Amino acid sequence: MKLEVLGSGCGNCQKLMAVTAEVVRDLGIEDAELVKVEDFPTIMSYGVMSTPALAIDGEVVLSGRVPSKADVTSLITSALAKRG
């Protein structure tokens, strides 16, 4: 599972990175790759207009806000369920 935090490195982007890392640890996802993407052309290629954003396996699942830990948990568990 590839998790990408898209943003400039601002405080909100750092918060999203921390929350995502915490959820990955809590869920015990050993194959998770957590990546910070700060390159604006790459961010724009995802169609993201507002950061921070979170992409899971190449699909943007959230943008423009810092979600709660429960929100991130839900997004990741939903993505895991889709993987089968």
N, C-alpha and C. Protein backbone atom coordinates (compact mmCIF):
# COMPACT_ATOMS: atom_id res chain seq x y z
N MET A 1 0.85 -1.17 0.00
CA MET A 1 0.00 0.00 0.00
C MET A 1 0.89 1.24 0.00
N LYS A 2 0.64 2.12 -0.94
CA LYS A 2 1.41 3.36 -1.01
C LYS A 2 0.53 4.52 -0.56
N LEU A 3 0.99 5.22 0.46
CA LEU A 3 0.29 6.38 1.00
C LEU A 3 1.13 7.61 0.71
N GLU A 4 0.54 8.58 0.04
CA GLU A 4 1.27 9.79 -0.31
C GLU A 4 0.60 11.01 0.32
N VAL A 5 1.38 11.76 1.08
CA VAL A 5 0.91 13.03 1.62
C VAL A 5 1.40 14.10 0.66
N LEU A 6 0.44 14.80 0.05
CA LEU A 6 0.75 15.81 -0.96
C LEU A 6 0.65 17.19 -0.34
N GLY A 7 1.72 17.97 -0.44
CA GLY A 7 1.70 19.33 0.11
C GLY A 7 3.07 19.95 0.14
N SER A 8 3.10 21.21 0.49
CA SER A 8 4.32 22.00 0.43
C SER A 8 5.26 21.79 1.61
N GLY A 9 4.81 21.08 2.61
CA GLY A 9 5.62 20.92 3.82
C GLY A 9 5.16 21.85 4.93
N CYS A 10 4.03 22.48 4.74
CA CYS A 10 3.46 23.40 5.73
C CYS A 10 3.04 22.63 6.99
N GLY A 11 2.65 23.36 8.00
CA GLY A 11 2.23 22.75 9.25
C GLY A 11 1.10 21.74 9.09
N ASN A 12 0.11 22.07 8.27
CA ASN A 12 -1.00 21.14 8.07
C ASN A 12 -0.55 19.88 7.35
N CYS A 13 0.39 20.02 6.42
CA CYS A 13 0.93 18.86 5.72
C CYS A 13 1.68 17.96 6.69
N GLN A 14 2.42 18.57 7.60
CA GLN A 14 3.16 17.81 8.60
C GLN A 14 2.20 17.09 9.56
N LYS A 15 1.08 17.75 9.90
CA LYS A 15 0.08 17.11 10.76
C LYS A 15 -0.52 15.90 10.07
N LEU A 16 -0.86 16.04 8.78
CA LEU A 16 -1.44 14.92 8.04
C LEU A 16 -0.44 13.76 7.96
N MET A 17 0.83 14.07 7.75
CA MET A 17 1.86 13.03 7.70
C MET A 17 1.94 12.30 9.03
N ALA A 18 1.92 13.05 10.14
CA ALA A 18 2.01 12.45 11.47
C ALA A 18 0.79 11.58 11.77
N VAL A 19 -0.40 12.07 11.46
CA VAL A 19 -1.62 11.31 11.72
C VAL A 19 -1.62 10.03 10.88
N THR A 20 -1.22 10.14 9.62
CA THR A 20 -1.19 8.97 8.73
C THR A 20 -0.20 7.94 9.24
N ALA A 21 0.98 8.38 9.63
CA ALA A 21 1.99 7.46 10.17
C ALA A 21 1.48 6.76 11.42
N GLU A 22 0.79 7.50 12.28
CA GLU A 22 0.24 6.93 13.51
C GLU A 22 -0.81 5.86 13.20
N VAL A 23 -1.67 6.13 12.24
CA VAL A 23 -2.70 5.16 11.86
C VAL A 23 -2.07 3.90 11.28
N VAL A 24 -1.07 4.07 10.42
CA VAL A 24 -0.38 2.92 9.84
C VAL A 24 0.22 2.05 10.95
N ARG A 25 0.85 2.69 11.93
CA ARG A 25 1.41 1.95 13.07
C ARG A 25 0.31 1.23 13.86
N ASP A 26 -0.77 1.97 14.17
CA ASP A 26 -1.87 1.41 14.96
C ASP A 26 -2.52 0.21 14.28
N LEU A 27 -2.64 0.29 12.95
CA LEU A 27 -3.28 -0.80 12.20
C LEU A 27 -2.30 -1.95 11.91
N GLY A 28 -1.03 -1.71 12.15
CA GLY A 28 -0.03 -2.75 11.92
C GLY A 28 0.17 -3.10 10.46
N ILE A 29 0.07 -2.11 9.59
CA ILE A 29 0.23 -2.34 8.15
C ILE A 29 1.72 -2.37 7.83
N GLU A 30 2.23 -3.57 7.63
CA GLU A 30 3.66 -3.73 7.44
C GLU A 30 4.12 -3.39 6.03
N ASP A 31 3.24 -3.50 5.05
CA ASP A 31 3.65 -3.24 3.67
C ASP A 31 3.37 -1.81 3.23
N ALA A 32 3.07 -0.93 4.18
CA ALA A 32 2.76 0.47 3.84
C ALA A 32 4.03 1.24 3.51
N GLU A 33 3.94 2.00 2.43
CA GLU A 33 5.01 2.91 2.04
C GLU A 33 4.44 4.32 2.18
N LEU A 34 4.95 5.08 3.14
CA LEU A 34 4.47 6.43 3.40
C LEU A 34 5.45 7.42 2.80
N VAL A 35 4.94 8.23 1.85
CA VAL A 35 5.80 9.14 1.08
C VAL A 35 5.27 10.56 1.18
N LYS A 36 6.17 11.51 1.32
CA LYS A 36 5.81 12.94 1.31
C LYS A 36 6.11 13.46 -0.09
N VAL A 37 5.12 14.06 -0.73
CA VAL A 37 5.29 14.61 -2.07
C VAL A 37 5.16 16.13 -1.99
N GLU A 38 6.27 16.83 -2.25
CA GLU A 38 6.29 18.29 -2.18
C GLU A 38 6.47 18.93 -3.55
N ASP A 39 6.64 18.13 -4.58
CA ASP A 39 6.86 18.62 -5.94
C ASP A 39 5.52 19.07 -6.54
N PHE A 40 5.40 20.38 -6.79
CA PHE A 40 4.10 20.92 -7.23
C PHE A 40 3.61 20.34 -8.55
N PRO A 41 4.46 20.13 -9.56
CA PRO A 41 3.95 19.50 -10.78
C PRO A 41 3.36 18.10 -10.52
N THR A 42 3.98 17.37 -9.61
CA THR A 42 3.46 16.05 -9.26
C THR A 42 2.12 16.18 -8.54
N ILE A 43 2.04 17.11 -7.60
CA ILE A 43 0.79 17.35 -6.88
C ILE A 43 -0.32 17.73 -7.85
N MET A 44 0.00 18.62 -8.78
CA MET A 44 -1.00 19.06 -9.76
C MET A 44 -1.43 17.90 -10.68
N SER A 45 -0.52 16.96 -10.93
CA SER A 45 -0.86 15.83 -11.80
C SER A 45 -1.96 14.96 -11.18
N TYR A 46 -2.11 15.05 -9.87
CA TYR A 46 -3.19 14.34 -9.18
C TYR A 46 -4.51 15.11 -9.24
N GLY A 47 -4.47 16.34 -9.74
CA GLY A 47 -5.67 17.15 -9.79
C GLY A 47 -5.97 17.85 -8.48
N VAL A 48 -5.01 17.88 -7.58
CA VAL A 48 -5.20 18.48 -6.27
C VAL A 48 -5.03 19.99 -6.37
N MET A 49 -6.03 20.72 -5.93
CA MET A 49 -6.00 22.18 -5.96
C MET A 49 -5.78 22.77 -4.57
N SER A 50 -6.00 21.97 -3.54
CA SER A 50 -5.89 22.44 -2.16
C SER A 50 -5.18 21.37 -1.33
N THR A 51 -4.12 21.79 -0.65
CA THR A 51 -3.37 20.86 0.18
C THR A 51 -3.63 21.15 1.65
N PRO A 52 -3.36 20.22 2.54
CA PRO A 52 -2.75 18.93 2.28
C PRO A 52 -3.74 17.96 1.64
N ALA A 53 -3.18 16.93 1.02
CA ALA A 53 -4.00 15.89 0.40
C ALA A 53 -3.38 14.54 0.71
N LEU A 54 -4.21 13.51 0.64
CA LEU A 54 -3.75 12.15 0.88
C LEU A 54 -4.17 11.29 -0.30
N ALA A 55 -3.20 10.59 -0.87
CA ALA A 55 -3.47 9.64 -1.95
C ALA A 55 -3.11 8.25 -1.44
N ILE A 56 -4.00 7.30 -1.73
CA ILE A 56 -3.76 5.91 -1.37
C ILE A 56 -3.72 5.10 -2.66
N ASP A 57 -2.58 4.47 -2.89
CA ASP A 57 -2.37 3.68 -4.11
C ASP A 57 -2.74 4.49 -5.36
N GLY A 58 -2.31 5.76 -5.37
CA GLY A 58 -2.48 6.61 -6.55
C GLY A 58 -3.81 7.32 -6.66
N GLU A 59 -4.73 7.09 -5.73
CA GLU A 59 -6.05 7.73 -5.76
C GLU A 59 -6.16 8.73 -4.62
N VAL A 60 -6.47 9.99 -4.98
CA VAL A 60 -6.64 11.02 -3.95
C VAL A 60 -7.93 10.74 -3.20
N VAL A 61 -7.81 10.60 -1.89
CA VAL A 61 -8.98 10.28 -1.06
C VAL A 61 -9.38 11.44 -0.15
N LEU A 62 -8.53 12.47 -0.09
CA LEU A 62 -8.81 13.61 0.79
C LEU A 62 -7.94 14.78 0.35
N SER A 63 -8.51 15.98 0.38
CA SER A 63 -7.69 17.17 0.12
C SER A 63 -8.31 18.40 0.77
N GLY A 64 -7.41 19.35 1.08
CA GLY A 64 -7.85 20.64 1.57
C GLY A 64 -8.10 20.76 3.06
N ARG A 65 -7.78 19.71 3.82
CA ARG A 65 -8.00 19.79 5.26
C ARG A 65 -7.16 18.76 5.98
N VAL A 66 -7.02 18.95 7.28
CA VAL A 66 -6.35 17.96 8.12
C VAL A 66 -7.45 17.12 8.75
N PRO A 67 -7.51 15.85 8.39
CA PRO A 67 -8.57 15.00 8.92
C PRO A 67 -8.25 14.53 10.34
N SER A 68 -9.28 14.04 11.00
CA SER A 68 -9.07 13.43 12.32
C SER A 68 -8.41 12.07 12.14
N LYS A 69 -7.88 11.55 13.22
CA LYS A 69 -7.29 10.21 13.18
C LYS A 69 -8.35 9.19 12.76
N ALA A 70 -9.56 9.36 13.23
CA ALA A 70 -10.65 8.43 12.87
C ALA A 70 -10.93 8.49 11.37
N ASP A 71 -10.88 9.69 10.78
CA ASP A 71 -11.10 9.82 9.33
C ASP A 71 -10.02 9.08 8.54
N VAL A 72 -8.77 9.26 8.94
CA VAL A 72 -7.67 8.60 8.24
C VAL A 72 -7.77 7.08 8.41
N THR A 73 -8.12 6.64 9.60
CA THR A 73 -8.31 5.21 9.84
C THR A 73 -9.37 4.65 8.90
N SER A 74 -10.48 5.35 8.78
CA SER A 74 -11.56 4.91 7.91
C SER A 74 -11.11 4.86 6.44
N LEU A 75 -10.39 5.88 5.99
CA LEU A 75 -9.93 5.91 4.60
C LEU A 75 -8.98 4.75 4.31
N ILE A 76 -8.07 4.48 5.23
CA ILE A 76 -7.10 3.42 5.02
C ILE A 76 -7.76 2.05 5.10
N THR A 77 -8.65 1.85 6.07
CA THR A 77 -9.31 0.53 6.17
C THR A 77 -10.22 0.28 4.97
N SER A 78 -10.84 1.32 4.43
CA SER A 78 -11.65 1.17 3.22
C SER A 78 -10.77 0.76 2.04
N ALA A 79 -9.60 1.38 1.93
CA ALA A 79 -8.68 1.04 0.85
C ALA A 79 -8.17 -0.39 1.00
N LEU A 80 -7.91 -0.81 2.22
CA LEU A 80 -7.47 -2.18 2.46
C LEU A 80 -8.57 -3.17 2.07
N ALA A 81 -9.81 -2.84 2.38
CA ALA A 81 -10.93 -3.72 2.05
C ALA A 81 -11.08 -3.87 0.53
N LYS A 82 -10.83 -2.79 -0.21
CA LYS A 82 -10.92 -2.85 -1.68
C LYS A 82 -9.84 -3.74 -2.27
N ARG A 83 -8.70 -3.81 -1.59
CA ARG A 83 -7.60 -4.63 -2.08
C ARG A 83 -7.91 -6.11 -1.98
N GLY A 84 -8.82 -6.44 -1.05
CA GLY A 84 -9.22 -7.84 -0.87
C GLY A 84 -8.19 -8.59 -0.15
